[in-house]
Amino acid sequence: MTAIEAREVVLSFGSTPALRGANLSVDPGEIVAVMGPSGSGKTTLLHCLAGILVPDAGEIRLADRRVDTLAEPERSALRRDRFGFVFQSGQLVPELTAEENVALPLLLRGVKRAAALSQARPWFERLGLGGLERRRSGELSGGQAQRVALARGLVSRPEVLFADEPTGALDSLTGEQVMDLLVGCAREQGTTVVLVTHEARVAAYADRQVIVRDGRVNALVSA
C-alpha cells in the first residue's frame, strides 16, 4: 500500500493550468524529492497532496482513503493529526517562544500545555538548539529558526511530512545541516517525506527524485 498518491490530478487557477494529469505515488517511509523549474507545478502538487488545495479532477489518496473528496473541516483535521509541514521561511509564530512553536501541533490536537511543552523540549538538544527554548523567532538565526520549524513538523510523529523548499533561505552549510537532521529524524520515526526543491544537492538526500514540468510528472530519476 502506498503512503500517499496523486492520480491524474488536474488543477487550474482561472484560465491558467497548473497541473495537467500529474501522477505520483510515495511508499511508506520513502523520501521523495519533487523537482522542477519555477512555475512547473511542484508546489501546487504538494498542496494537493496535503489537502490544502482540491484538484479539479483526479484523486488524492492517503493510504486507501480519498483526500480530495473530504470537506474542508475533515481535510483540516487530517493536516492537524496526520501531516507535518516545513516551509522555506520557517513561518514561526512570532508571538510564541521557540518551544511554544514546536509544541503548537500538539496544542492544536488538544494536548495539555504542560504535556505538549514536555514533548517539545527534548527536540532542542536533539537539533543543537539547547538554551534557545524561550527565545522568539526574531531572536533566532535563519538556521536556528528552520531547525525549530523542523522540530515543529516532526514533534507529533506525522505519517507524512511535507517540506517546501526547506533550505531555500539558508546558506549551503546550514542547509546541509538541516537536511541531515530532517532525513535522520524522518528515518528514525518512519515518516514519509515529500520534499519540494529546485536544488540538486538537496534532492540528493532523497531516496527518489521526480521531475515536474508543465504540470506533469514526466521523468523519474533514482537518487
N, C-alpha and C. Protein backbone atom coordinates (compact mmCIF):
# COMPACT_ATOMS: atom_id res chain seq x y z
N MET A 1 0.84 -1.20 0.00
CA MET A 1 0.00 0.00 0.00
C MET A 1 0.88 1.25 0.00
N THR A 2 0.53 2.22 -0.83
CA THR A 2 1.27 3.47 -0.85
C THR A 2 0.90 4.33 0.36
N ALA A 3 1.83 5.22 0.73
CA ALA A 3 1.54 6.15 1.82
C ALA A 3 0.64 7.27 1.33
N ILE A 4 1.00 7.85 0.19
CA ILE A 4 0.20 8.95 -0.36
C ILE A 4 0.37 8.94 -1.87
N GLU A 5 -0.69 9.34 -2.58
CA GLU A 5 -0.69 9.17 -4.03
C GLU A 5 -1.54 10.23 -4.70
N ALA A 6 -1.06 10.71 -5.84
CA ALA A 6 -1.82 11.56 -6.75
C ALA A 6 -2.08 10.79 -8.02
N ARG A 7 -3.35 10.76 -8.47
CA ARG A 7 -3.71 10.04 -9.69
C ARG A 7 -4.36 11.00 -10.68
N GLU A 8 -3.67 11.27 -11.77
CA GLU A 8 -4.20 12.07 -12.87
C GLU A 8 -4.78 13.39 -12.36
N VAL A 9 -4.02 14.08 -11.54
CA VAL A 9 -4.51 15.30 -10.89
C VAL A 9 -4.43 16.49 -11.85
N VAL A 10 -5.54 17.17 -11.95
CA VAL A 10 -5.67 18.37 -12.80
C VAL A 10 -6.12 19.53 -11.92
N LEU A 11 -5.47 20.67 -12.09
CA LEU A 11 -5.87 21.88 -11.35
C LEU A 11 -5.47 23.11 -12.15
N SER A 12 -6.41 24.05 -12.27
CA SER A 12 -6.14 25.32 -12.93
C SER A 12 -6.47 26.46 -11.99
N PHE A 13 -5.75 27.54 -12.13
CA PHE A 13 -6.05 28.78 -11.43
C PHE A 13 -6.64 29.74 -12.46
N GLY A 14 -7.97 29.85 -12.47
CA GLY A 14 -8.62 30.59 -13.53
C GLY A 14 -8.41 29.88 -14.85
N SER A 15 -7.87 30.60 -15.83
CA SER A 15 -7.60 30.00 -17.14
C SER A 15 -6.19 29.44 -17.26
N THR A 16 -5.43 29.49 -16.15
CA THR A 16 -4.04 29.04 -16.19
C THR A 16 -3.92 27.64 -15.61
N PRO A 17 -3.57 26.66 -16.43
CA PRO A 17 -3.39 25.30 -15.91
C PRO A 17 -2.12 25.19 -15.07
N ALA A 18 -2.25 24.56 -13.89
CA ALA A 18 -1.10 24.34 -13.02
C ALA A 18 -0.68 22.88 -13.02
N LEU A 19 -1.65 21.98 -12.98
CA LEU A 19 -1.39 20.54 -13.06
C LEU A 19 -2.22 19.97 -14.19
N ARG A 20 -1.61 19.09 -15.00
CA ARG A 20 -2.28 18.59 -16.20
C ARG A 20 -2.27 17.06 -16.24
N GLY A 21 -2.72 16.45 -15.17
CA GLY A 21 -2.73 14.99 -15.11
C GLY A 21 -1.51 14.44 -14.41
N ALA A 22 -1.17 15.03 -13.28
CA ALA A 22 0.03 14.64 -12.53
C ALA A 22 -0.21 13.34 -11.76
N ASN A 23 0.78 12.47 -11.79
CA ASN A 23 0.73 11.21 -11.06
C ASN A 23 1.98 11.09 -10.18
N LEU A 24 1.76 10.70 -8.93
CA LEU A 24 2.88 10.48 -8.02
C LEU A 24 2.44 9.52 -6.93
N SER A 25 3.24 8.49 -6.70
CA SER A 25 2.97 7.52 -5.65
C SER A 25 4.20 7.43 -4.75
N VAL A 26 3.99 7.57 -3.45
CA VAL A 26 5.08 7.57 -2.48
C VAL A 26 4.85 6.43 -1.48
N ASP A 27 5.86 5.61 -1.28
CA ASP A 27 5.74 4.47 -0.38
C ASP A 27 5.91 4.88 1.07
N PRO A 28 5.39 4.10 2.01
CA PRO A 28 5.59 4.41 3.43
C PRO A 28 7.07 4.48 3.78
N GLY A 29 7.47 5.54 4.48
CA GLY A 29 8.84 5.72 4.89
C GLY A 29 9.79 6.21 3.82
N GLU A 30 9.28 6.42 2.60
CA GLU A 30 10.12 6.88 1.50
C GLU A 30 10.28 8.40 1.56
N ILE A 31 11.45 8.86 1.13
CA ILE A 31 11.71 10.29 0.99
C ILE A 31 11.81 10.59 -0.50
N VAL A 32 10.88 11.40 -1.00
CA VAL A 32 10.83 11.72 -2.43
C VAL A 32 11.05 13.21 -2.61
N ALA A 33 11.96 13.56 -3.50
CA ALA A 33 12.21 14.96 -3.85
C ALA A 33 11.46 15.29 -5.13
N VAL A 34 10.64 16.34 -5.07
CA VAL A 34 9.89 16.82 -6.23
C VAL A 34 10.63 18.03 -6.76
N MET A 35 11.16 17.91 -7.98
CA MET A 35 11.97 18.96 -8.57
C MET A 35 11.27 19.52 -9.81
N GLY A 36 11.80 20.61 -10.29
CA GLY A 36 11.27 21.23 -11.50
C GLY A 36 11.50 22.71 -11.50
N PRO A 37 11.43 23.35 -12.66
CA PRO A 37 11.64 24.79 -12.74
C PRO A 37 10.52 25.56 -12.05
N SER A 38 10.78 26.82 -11.79
CA SER A 38 9.76 27.69 -11.21
C SER A 38 8.52 27.71 -12.09
N GLY A 39 7.35 27.57 -11.48
CA GLY A 39 6.10 27.58 -12.24
C GLY A 39 5.73 26.26 -12.85
N SER A 40 6.48 25.20 -12.55
CA SER A 40 6.21 23.90 -13.17
C SER A 40 5.02 23.18 -12.55
N GLY A 41 4.65 23.57 -11.32
CA GLY A 41 3.53 22.93 -10.64
C GLY A 41 3.92 22.10 -9.44
N LYS A 42 5.20 22.11 -9.06
CA LYS A 42 5.65 21.23 -7.99
C LYS A 42 5.05 21.60 -6.63
N THR A 43 4.98 22.89 -6.31
CA THR A 43 4.37 23.29 -5.04
C THR A 43 2.86 23.08 -5.07
N THR A 44 2.24 23.30 -6.21
CA THR A 44 0.81 23.04 -6.34
C THR A 44 0.51 21.56 -6.11
N LEU A 45 1.36 20.69 -6.64
CA LEU A 45 1.20 19.26 -6.41
C LEU A 45 1.31 18.93 -4.93
N LEU A 46 2.30 19.50 -4.26
CA LEU A 46 2.45 19.28 -2.82
C LEU A 46 1.20 19.73 -2.07
N HIS A 47 0.67 20.89 -2.44
CA HIS A 47 -0.53 21.42 -1.75
C HIS A 47 -1.74 20.54 -1.99
N CYS A 48 -1.82 19.93 -3.16
CA CYS A 48 -2.92 18.98 -3.41
C CYS A 48 -2.74 17.73 -2.57
N LEU A 49 -1.53 17.20 -2.52
CA LEU A 49 -1.26 16.02 -1.71
C LEU A 49 -1.59 16.26 -0.24
N ALA A 50 -1.32 17.47 0.22
CA ALA A 50 -1.53 17.82 1.63
C ALA A 50 -2.97 18.21 1.94
N GLY A 51 -3.83 18.25 0.94
CA GLY A 51 -5.21 18.63 1.18
C GLY A 51 -5.42 20.11 1.37
N ILE A 52 -4.42 20.91 1.02
CA ILE A 52 -4.56 22.37 1.10
C ILE A 52 -5.37 22.87 -0.09
N LEU A 53 -5.10 22.30 -1.27
CA LEU A 53 -5.85 22.60 -2.48
C LEU A 53 -6.63 21.36 -2.91
N VAL A 54 -7.79 21.58 -3.50
CA VAL A 54 -8.62 20.49 -4.02
C VAL A 54 -8.51 20.49 -5.54
N PRO A 55 -8.07 19.40 -6.16
CA PRO A 55 -7.92 19.39 -7.62
C PRO A 55 -9.26 19.46 -8.33
N ASP A 56 -9.21 19.94 -9.57
CA ASP A 56 -10.41 19.98 -10.41
C ASP A 56 -10.80 18.59 -10.87
N ALA A 57 -9.84 17.72 -11.03
CA ALA A 57 -10.08 16.34 -11.46
C ALA A 57 -8.94 15.48 -10.94
N GLY A 58 -9.17 14.17 -10.94
CA GLY A 58 -8.18 13.24 -10.42
C GLY A 58 -8.44 12.91 -8.96
N GLU A 59 -7.51 12.17 -8.37
CA GLU A 59 -7.67 11.70 -7.00
C GLU A 59 -6.40 11.91 -6.19
N ILE A 60 -6.59 12.21 -4.90
CA ILE A 60 -5.52 12.21 -3.92
C ILE A 60 -5.88 11.16 -2.89
N ARG A 61 -4.94 10.24 -2.61
CA ARG A 61 -5.22 9.17 -1.65
C ARG A 61 -4.14 9.13 -0.57
N LEU A 62 -4.58 9.03 0.66
CA LEU A 62 -3.71 8.77 1.80
C LEU A 62 -3.98 7.34 2.21
N ALA A 63 -3.02 6.45 1.91
CA ALA A 63 -3.25 5.01 2.04
C ALA A 63 -4.47 4.66 1.19
N ASP A 64 -5.52 4.13 1.79
CA ASP A 64 -6.70 3.75 1.00
C ASP A 64 -7.84 4.75 1.12
N ARG A 65 -7.54 5.96 1.60
CA ARG A 65 -8.58 6.96 1.84
C ARG A 65 -8.49 8.10 0.85
N ARG A 66 -9.60 8.46 0.23
CA ARG A 66 -9.63 9.63 -0.65
C ARG A 66 -9.53 10.90 0.18
N VAL A 67 -8.63 11.78 -0.20
CA VAL A 67 -8.47 13.06 0.48
C VAL A 67 -9.24 14.16 -0.24
N ASP A 68 -9.23 14.12 -1.57
CA ASP A 68 -9.80 15.23 -2.35
C ASP A 68 -11.31 15.34 -2.22
N THR A 69 -11.98 14.29 -1.81
CA THR A 69 -13.44 14.33 -1.67
C THR A 69 -13.88 14.74 -0.26
N LEU A 70 -12.93 14.93 0.65
CA LEU A 70 -13.28 15.32 2.01
C LEU A 70 -13.68 16.79 2.07
N ALA A 71 -14.57 17.12 2.99
CA ALA A 71 -14.92 18.52 3.25
C ALA A 71 -13.74 19.21 3.94
N GLU A 72 -13.70 20.53 3.86
CA GLU A 72 -12.57 21.28 4.42
C GLU A 72 -12.33 20.97 5.91
N PRO A 73 -13.34 20.87 6.77
CA PRO A 73 -13.05 20.53 8.17
C PRO A 73 -12.35 19.18 8.32
N GLU A 74 -12.70 18.21 7.48
CA GLU A 74 -12.06 16.90 7.54
C GLU A 74 -10.62 16.97 7.04
N ARG A 75 -10.41 17.75 5.98
CA ARG A 75 -9.05 17.90 5.47
C ARG A 75 -8.19 18.67 6.48
N SER A 76 -8.78 19.64 7.14
CA SER A 76 -8.05 20.38 8.18
C SER A 76 -7.65 19.46 9.33
N ALA A 77 -8.55 18.57 9.72
CA ALA A 77 -8.24 17.60 10.77
C ALA A 77 -7.13 16.66 10.33
N LEU A 78 -7.14 16.28 9.06
CA LEU A 78 -6.10 15.42 8.51
C LEU A 78 -4.74 16.11 8.59
N ARG A 79 -4.70 17.36 8.18
CA ARG A 79 -3.44 18.12 8.25
C ARG A 79 -2.96 18.26 9.69
N ARG A 80 -3.89 18.43 10.59
CA ARG A 80 -3.53 18.59 12.01
C ARG A 80 -3.04 17.29 12.63
N ASP A 81 -3.69 16.19 12.31
CA ASP A 81 -3.47 14.93 13.03
C ASP A 81 -2.49 13.98 12.37
N ARG A 82 -2.32 14.07 11.04
CA ARG A 82 -1.53 13.04 10.36
C ARG A 82 -0.41 13.59 9.49
N PHE A 83 -0.39 14.91 9.27
CA PHE A 83 0.63 15.51 8.44
C PHE A 83 1.51 16.45 9.26
N GLY A 84 2.74 16.67 8.78
CA GLY A 84 3.62 17.69 9.30
C GLY A 84 4.09 18.57 8.15
N PHE A 85 4.49 19.79 8.46
CA PHE A 85 4.87 20.75 7.42
C PHE A 85 6.13 21.51 7.82
N VAL A 86 7.01 21.70 6.83
CA VAL A 86 8.17 22.59 6.97
C VAL A 86 8.23 23.45 5.72
N PHE A 87 8.24 24.77 5.91
CA PHE A 87 8.23 25.68 4.77
C PHE A 87 9.57 26.42 4.66
N GLN A 88 9.75 27.09 3.54
CA GLN A 88 11.03 27.73 3.23
C GLN A 88 11.47 28.71 4.31
N SER A 89 10.59 29.57 4.76
CA SER A 89 10.96 30.60 5.71
C SER A 89 10.70 30.20 7.15
N GLY A 90 10.33 28.94 7.37
CA GLY A 90 10.02 28.50 8.72
C GLY A 90 8.60 28.82 9.14
N GLN A 91 8.19 30.07 8.90
CA GLN A 91 6.84 30.52 9.24
C GLN A 91 6.51 30.25 10.71
N LEU A 92 7.45 30.61 11.58
CA LEU A 92 7.18 30.51 13.00
C LEU A 92 6.20 31.61 13.42
N VAL A 93 5.46 31.36 14.47
CA VAL A 93 4.53 32.35 15.01
C VAL A 93 5.35 33.31 15.88
N PRO A 94 5.48 34.59 15.49
CA PRO A 94 6.42 35.48 16.19
C PRO A 94 6.06 35.75 17.64
N GLU A 95 4.77 35.63 17.98
CA GLU A 95 4.35 35.91 19.35
C GLU A 95 4.69 34.79 20.32
N LEU A 96 5.04 33.62 19.79
CA LEU A 96 5.32 32.45 20.62
C LEU A 96 6.82 32.25 20.80
N THR A 97 7.20 31.64 21.90
CA THR A 97 8.60 31.26 22.09
C THR A 97 8.91 30.07 21.18
N ALA A 98 10.19 29.76 21.08
CA ALA A 98 10.59 28.64 20.23
C ALA A 98 9.95 27.34 20.70
N GLU A 99 9.94 27.08 22.00
CA GLU A 99 9.35 25.83 22.49
C GLU A 99 7.84 25.81 22.29
N GLU A 100 7.19 26.96 22.36
CA GLU A 100 5.76 27.01 22.10
C GLU A 100 5.47 26.76 20.62
N ASN A 101 6.35 27.26 19.74
CA ASN A 101 6.19 26.98 18.31
C ASN A 101 6.30 25.49 18.03
N VAL A 102 7.27 24.83 18.65
CA VAL A 102 7.42 23.38 18.45
C VAL A 102 6.21 22.63 18.98
N ALA A 103 5.68 23.07 20.11
CA ALA A 103 4.55 22.40 20.75
C ALA A 103 3.22 22.68 20.05
N LEU A 104 3.19 23.64 19.14
CA LEU A 104 1.93 24.10 18.56
C LEU A 104 1.09 22.97 17.94
N PRO A 105 1.66 22.07 17.13
CA PRO A 105 0.82 21.00 16.57
C PRO A 105 0.16 20.13 17.64
N LEU A 106 0.86 19.92 18.75
CA LEU A 106 0.30 19.13 19.84
C LEU A 106 -0.82 19.89 20.53
N LEU A 107 -0.61 21.19 20.74
CA LEU A 107 -1.64 22.01 21.36
C LEU A 107 -2.91 22.05 20.51
N LEU A 108 -2.73 22.11 19.18
CA LEU A 108 -3.89 22.13 18.29
C LEU A 108 -4.63 20.80 18.30
N ARG A 109 -3.95 19.74 18.67
CA ARG A 109 -4.60 18.44 18.80
C ARG A 109 -5.34 18.29 20.12
N GLY A 110 -5.15 19.25 21.02
CA GLY A 110 -5.83 19.16 22.31
C GLY A 110 -4.96 18.65 23.43
N VAL A 111 -3.64 18.47 23.18
CA VAL A 111 -2.73 18.05 24.24
C VAL A 111 -2.59 19.20 25.24
N LYS A 112 -2.61 18.87 26.53
CA LYS A 112 -2.46 19.89 27.56
C LYS A 112 -1.12 20.60 27.41
N ARG A 113 -1.11 21.89 27.77
CA ARG A 113 0.06 22.73 27.55
C ARG A 113 1.32 22.13 28.18
N ALA A 114 1.23 21.71 29.43
CA ALA A 114 2.42 21.19 30.11
C ALA A 114 2.95 19.94 29.40
N ALA A 115 2.05 19.07 28.98
CA ALA A 115 2.46 17.85 28.29
C ALA A 115 3.04 18.17 26.92
N ALA A 116 2.44 19.12 26.21
CA ALA A 116 2.93 19.50 24.89
C ALA A 116 4.34 20.09 24.97
N LEU A 117 4.57 20.96 25.94
CA LEU A 117 5.90 21.55 26.10
C LEU A 117 6.92 20.49 26.53
N SER A 118 6.48 19.55 27.33
CA SER A 118 7.36 18.46 27.76
C SER A 118 7.82 17.62 26.57
N GLN A 119 6.92 17.42 25.59
CA GLN A 119 7.30 16.67 24.39
C GLN A 119 8.16 17.51 23.45
N ALA A 120 7.97 18.83 23.48
CA ALA A 120 8.70 19.72 22.58
C ALA A 120 10.15 19.91 23.01
N ARG A 121 10.41 20.00 24.31
CA ARG A 121 11.73 20.40 24.80
C ARG A 121 12.87 19.48 24.41
N PRO A 122 12.69 18.14 24.39
CA PRO A 122 13.83 17.29 24.01
C PRO A 122 14.35 17.55 22.61
N TRP A 123 13.53 18.12 21.74
CA TRP A 123 13.97 18.39 20.37
C TRP A 123 15.06 19.46 20.33
N PHE A 124 15.14 20.30 21.34
CA PHE A 124 16.12 21.38 21.29
C PHE A 124 17.55 20.85 21.44
N GLU A 125 17.78 19.93 22.34
CA GLU A 125 19.09 19.31 22.44
C GLU A 125 19.36 18.44 21.21
N ARG A 126 18.33 17.76 20.76
CA ARG A 126 18.47 16.84 19.62
C ARG A 126 18.91 17.57 18.36
N LEU A 127 18.43 18.80 18.18
CA LEU A 127 18.73 19.57 16.98
C LEU A 127 19.77 20.66 17.22
N GLY A 128 20.49 20.58 18.34
CA GLY A 128 21.54 21.56 18.61
C GLY A 128 21.02 22.93 18.95
N LEU A 129 19.87 23.00 19.62
CA LEU A 129 19.24 24.27 19.94
C LEU A 129 19.12 24.49 21.44
N GLY A 130 19.86 23.72 22.22
CA GLY A 130 19.78 23.84 23.67
C GLY A 130 19.99 25.26 24.14
N GLY A 131 19.14 25.73 25.05
CA GLY A 131 19.22 27.09 25.58
C GLY A 131 18.40 28.11 24.83
N LEU A 132 17.80 27.71 23.71
CA LEU A 132 17.03 28.65 22.88
C LEU A 132 15.52 28.48 23.05
N GLU A 133 15.11 27.65 23.99
CA GLU A 133 13.69 27.31 24.13
C GLU A 133 12.80 28.53 24.33
N ARG A 134 13.28 29.54 25.07
CA ARG A 134 12.42 30.68 25.41
C ARG A 134 12.58 31.87 24.45
N ARG A 135 13.41 31.71 23.45
CA ARG A 135 13.59 32.82 22.50
C ARG A 135 12.45 32.86 21.50
N ARG A 136 12.21 34.06 20.99
CA ARG A 136 11.19 34.22 19.95
C ARG A 136 11.88 34.23 18.59
N SER A 137 11.08 34.13 17.54
CA SER A 137 11.66 33.93 16.21
C SER A 137 12.61 35.04 15.81
N GLY A 138 12.33 36.28 16.23
CA GLY A 138 13.19 37.40 15.88
C GLY A 138 14.55 37.34 16.54
N GLU A 139 14.71 36.47 17.54
CA GLU A 139 15.97 36.33 18.24
C GLU A 139 16.77 35.11 17.77
N LEU A 140 16.29 34.46 16.72
CA LEU A 140 16.95 33.26 16.19
C LEU A 140 17.58 33.56 14.83
N SER A 141 18.69 32.89 14.53
CA SER A 141 19.26 32.98 13.19
C SER A 141 18.37 32.20 12.23
N GLY A 142 18.64 32.36 10.93
CA GLY A 142 17.84 31.64 9.94
C GLY A 142 17.93 30.13 10.12
N GLY A 143 19.14 29.63 10.36
CA GLY A 143 19.32 28.20 10.55
C GLY A 143 18.64 27.70 11.81
N GLN A 144 18.72 28.49 12.88
CA GLN A 144 18.07 28.11 14.13
C GLN A 144 16.54 28.07 13.96
N ALA A 145 16.00 29.09 13.31
CA ALA A 145 14.56 29.14 13.10
C ALA A 145 14.08 27.97 12.24
N GLN A 146 14.87 27.59 11.25
CA GLN A 146 14.46 26.48 10.39
C GLN A 146 14.52 25.15 11.14
N ARG A 147 15.47 25.01 12.06
CA ARG A 147 15.52 23.79 12.87
C ARG A 147 14.34 23.75 13.84
N VAL A 148 13.93 24.90 14.35
CA VAL A 148 12.71 24.95 15.18
C VAL A 148 11.51 24.53 14.34
N ALA A 149 11.45 25.02 13.11
CA ALA A 149 10.35 24.64 12.22
C ALA A 149 10.37 23.15 11.92
N LEU A 150 11.56 22.59 11.77
CA LEU A 150 11.68 21.15 11.53
C LEU A 150 11.16 20.37 12.74
N ALA A 151 11.55 20.80 13.93
CA ALA A 151 11.05 20.15 15.14
C ALA A 151 9.54 20.24 15.22
N ARG A 152 8.99 21.39 14.88
CA ARG A 152 7.53 21.55 14.89
C ARG A 152 6.87 20.60 13.90
N GLY A 153 7.51 20.38 12.76
CA GLY A 153 6.93 19.49 11.76
C GLY A 153 6.96 18.03 12.15
N LEU A 154 7.90 17.65 13.02
CA LEU A 154 8.09 16.25 13.36
C LEU A 154 7.62 15.87 14.77
N VAL A 155 7.36 16.85 15.62
CA VAL A 155 7.09 16.57 17.03
C VAL A 155 5.89 15.66 17.24
N SER A 156 4.92 15.73 16.37
CA SER A 156 3.71 14.90 16.53
C SER A 156 3.82 13.57 15.80
N ARG A 157 5.02 13.23 15.32
CA ARG A 157 5.28 11.97 14.62
C ARG A 157 4.29 11.77 13.47
N PRO A 158 4.28 12.69 12.50
CA PRO A 158 3.30 12.62 11.42
C PRO A 158 3.55 11.43 10.50
N GLU A 159 2.50 10.98 9.84
CA GLU A 159 2.66 9.93 8.84
C GLU A 159 3.42 10.45 7.63
N VAL A 160 3.09 11.70 7.23
CA VAL A 160 3.73 12.31 6.06
C VAL A 160 4.19 13.71 6.44
N LEU A 161 5.44 14.03 6.10
CA LEU A 161 5.99 15.36 6.28
C LEU A 161 6.12 16.01 4.91
N PHE A 162 5.52 17.18 4.75
CA PHE A 162 5.63 17.95 3.51
C PHE A 162 6.63 19.09 3.75
N ALA A 163 7.69 19.12 2.96
CA ALA A 163 8.72 20.14 3.11
C ALA A 163 8.84 20.91 1.80
N ASP A 164 8.52 22.20 1.84
CA ASP A 164 8.51 23.04 0.63
C ASP A 164 9.72 23.97 0.68
N GLU A 165 10.74 23.65 -0.11
CA GLU A 165 11.99 24.42 -0.17
C GLU A 165 12.53 24.68 1.25
N PRO A 166 12.74 23.64 2.05
CA PRO A 166 13.10 23.86 3.46
C PRO A 166 14.47 24.48 3.68
N THR A 167 15.32 24.50 2.64
CA THR A 167 16.65 25.10 2.78
C THR A 167 16.79 26.34 1.90
N GLY A 168 15.70 26.78 1.29
CA GLY A 168 15.78 27.86 0.30
C GLY A 168 16.29 29.17 0.85
N ALA A 169 16.09 29.41 2.14
CA ALA A 169 16.51 30.68 2.75
C ALA A 169 17.82 30.55 3.52
N LEU A 170 18.51 29.41 3.36
CA LEU A 170 19.70 29.13 4.15
C LEU A 170 20.95 29.08 3.27
N ASP A 171 22.11 29.34 3.88
CA ASP A 171 23.36 29.16 3.14
C ASP A 171 23.62 27.66 2.98
N SER A 172 24.59 27.31 2.16
CA SER A 172 24.81 25.91 1.79
C SER A 172 25.12 25.03 3.00
N LEU A 173 26.00 25.48 3.88
CA LEU A 173 26.39 24.66 5.02
C LEU A 173 25.21 24.45 5.97
N THR A 174 24.49 25.52 6.28
CA THR A 174 23.35 25.40 7.19
C THR A 174 22.26 24.55 6.54
N GLY A 175 22.09 24.70 5.23
CA GLY A 175 21.10 23.89 4.52
C GLY A 175 21.42 22.41 4.61
N GLU A 176 22.70 22.06 4.50
CA GLU A 176 23.10 20.66 4.61
C GLU A 176 22.85 20.14 6.03
N GLN A 177 23.11 20.97 7.03
CA GLN A 177 22.85 20.56 8.41
C GLN A 177 21.36 20.30 8.63
N VAL A 178 20.51 21.17 8.09
CA VAL A 178 19.07 21.00 8.24
C VAL A 178 18.61 19.73 7.53
N MET A 179 19.14 19.47 6.34
CA MET A 179 18.75 18.26 5.61
C MET A 179 19.23 17.00 6.32
N ASP A 180 20.43 17.03 6.88
CA ASP A 180 20.91 15.88 7.65
C ASP A 180 19.95 15.57 8.79
N LEU A 181 19.50 16.62 9.48
CA LEU A 181 18.58 16.45 10.60
C LEU A 181 17.22 15.98 10.13
N LEU A 182 16.72 16.57 9.04
CA LEU A 182 15.41 16.19 8.53
C LEU A 182 15.39 14.72 8.14
N VAL A 183 16.38 14.31 7.37
CA VAL A 183 16.41 12.92 6.90
C VAL A 183 16.62 11.96 8.07
N GLY A 184 17.54 12.30 8.99
CA GLY A 184 17.81 11.42 10.12
C GLY A 184 16.59 11.24 11.01
N CYS A 185 15.89 12.33 11.31
CA CYS A 185 14.71 12.25 12.17
C CYS A 185 13.57 11.52 11.47
N ALA A 186 13.39 11.78 10.19
CA ALA A 186 12.33 11.11 9.44
C ALA A 186 12.58 9.60 9.38
N ARG A 187 13.82 9.21 9.14
CA ARG A 187 14.16 7.78 9.11
C ARG A 187 13.88 7.14 10.47
N GLU A 188 14.28 7.82 11.51
CA GLU A 188 14.11 7.29 12.86
C GLU A 188 12.65 7.06 13.19
N GLN A 189 11.79 7.98 12.73
CA GLN A 189 10.36 7.89 13.05
C GLN A 189 9.56 7.12 12.00
N GLY A 190 10.20 6.77 10.89
CA GLY A 190 9.47 6.10 9.82
C GLY A 190 8.52 7.00 9.08
N THR A 191 8.81 8.30 9.08
CA THR A 191 7.94 9.29 8.44
C THR A 191 8.19 9.32 6.94
N THR A 192 7.12 9.34 6.16
CA THR A 192 7.20 9.56 4.72
C THR A 192 7.43 11.04 4.47
N VAL A 193 8.30 11.38 3.53
CA VAL A 193 8.63 12.79 3.27
C VAL A 193 8.42 13.10 1.79
N VAL A 194 7.66 14.16 1.53
CA VAL A 194 7.55 14.73 0.19
C VAL A 194 8.23 16.09 0.23
N LEU A 195 9.33 16.21 -0.49
CA LEU A 195 10.22 17.36 -0.41
C LEU A 195 10.24 18.09 -1.75
N VAL A 196 9.81 19.35 -1.75
CA VAL A 196 9.89 20.18 -2.95
C VAL A 196 11.17 20.99 -2.90
N THR A 197 11.95 20.91 -3.97
CA THR A 197 13.20 21.68 -4.03
C THR A 197 13.58 21.91 -5.48
N HIS A 198 14.36 22.95 -5.72
CA HIS A 198 14.94 23.14 -7.04
C HIS A 198 16.45 22.92 -7.01
N GLU A 199 16.96 22.49 -5.85
CA GLU A 199 18.40 22.33 -5.68
C GLU A 199 18.79 20.86 -5.74
N ALA A 200 19.69 20.52 -6.64
CA ALA A 200 20.13 19.13 -6.80
C ALA A 200 20.80 18.60 -5.54
N ARG A 201 21.53 19.46 -4.82
CA ARG A 201 22.23 18.98 -3.62
C ARG A 201 21.24 18.61 -2.53
N VAL A 202 20.10 19.27 -2.49
CA VAL A 202 19.05 18.93 -1.52
C VAL A 202 18.32 17.66 -1.96
N ALA A 203 18.00 17.59 -3.25
CA ALA A 203 17.31 16.41 -3.77
C ALA A 203 18.13 15.14 -3.59
N ALA A 204 19.44 15.27 -3.53
CA ALA A 204 20.31 14.10 -3.39
C ALA A 204 20.10 13.37 -2.06
N TYR A 205 19.49 14.04 -1.09
CA TYR A 205 19.21 13.39 0.19
C TYR A 205 18.03 12.42 0.09
N ALA A 206 17.24 12.51 -0.97
CA ALA A 206 16.03 11.70 -1.10
C ALA A 206 16.35 10.30 -1.62
N ASP A 207 15.40 9.40 -1.41
CA ASP A 207 15.50 8.06 -1.98
C ASP A 207 15.24 8.08 -3.48
N ARG A 208 14.42 9.03 -3.89
CA ARG A 208 14.00 9.09 -5.29
C ARG A 208 13.67 10.54 -5.64
N GLN A 209 13.93 10.89 -6.89
CA GLN A 209 13.62 12.23 -7.38
C GLN A 209 12.60 12.14 -8.50
N VAL A 210 11.62 13.03 -8.49
CA VAL A 210 10.68 13.13 -9.60
C VAL A 210 10.75 14.55 -10.14
N ILE A 211 10.57 14.67 -11.44
CA ILE A 211 10.68 15.95 -12.11
C ILE A 211 9.29 16.38 -12.59
N VAL A 212 8.87 17.57 -12.21
CA VAL A 212 7.60 18.12 -12.67
C VAL A 212 7.88 19.18 -13.72
N ARG A 213 7.27 19.01 -14.89
CA ARG A 213 7.38 20.01 -15.95
C ARG A 213 6.01 20.23 -16.56
N ASP A 214 5.64 21.48 -16.67
CA ASP A 214 4.36 21.85 -17.30
C ASP A 214 3.19 21.10 -16.68
N GLY A 215 3.22 20.95 -15.35
CA GLY A 215 2.10 20.35 -14.65
C GLY A 215 2.01 18.85 -14.70
N ARG A 216 3.05 18.19 -15.20
CA ARG A 216 3.05 16.72 -15.26
C ARG A 216 4.33 16.18 -14.63
N VAL A 217 4.21 15.04 -14.00
CA VAL A 217 5.39 14.32 -13.51
C VAL A 217 5.84 13.46 -14.68
N ASN A 218 6.84 13.96 -15.40
CA ASN A 218 7.18 13.29 -16.67
C ASN A 218 8.58 12.70 -16.73
N ALA A 219 9.21 12.63 -15.55
CA ALA A 219 10.52 11.97 -15.51
C ALA A 219 10.77 11.46 -14.10
N LEU A 220 11.32 10.28 -14.02
CA LEU A 220 11.67 9.69 -12.73
C LEU A 220 13.17 9.44 -12.72
N VAL A 221 13.82 9.81 -11.61
CA VAL A 221 15.26 9.68 -11.51
C VAL A 221 15.58 9.01 -10.20
N SER A 222 16.42 8.00 -10.20
CA SER A 222 16.85 7.36 -8.94
C SER A 222 17.81 8.29 -8.24
N ALA A 223 17.65 8.40 -6.91
CA ALA A 223 18.53 9.30 -6.15
C ALA A 223 19.89 8.64 -5.94
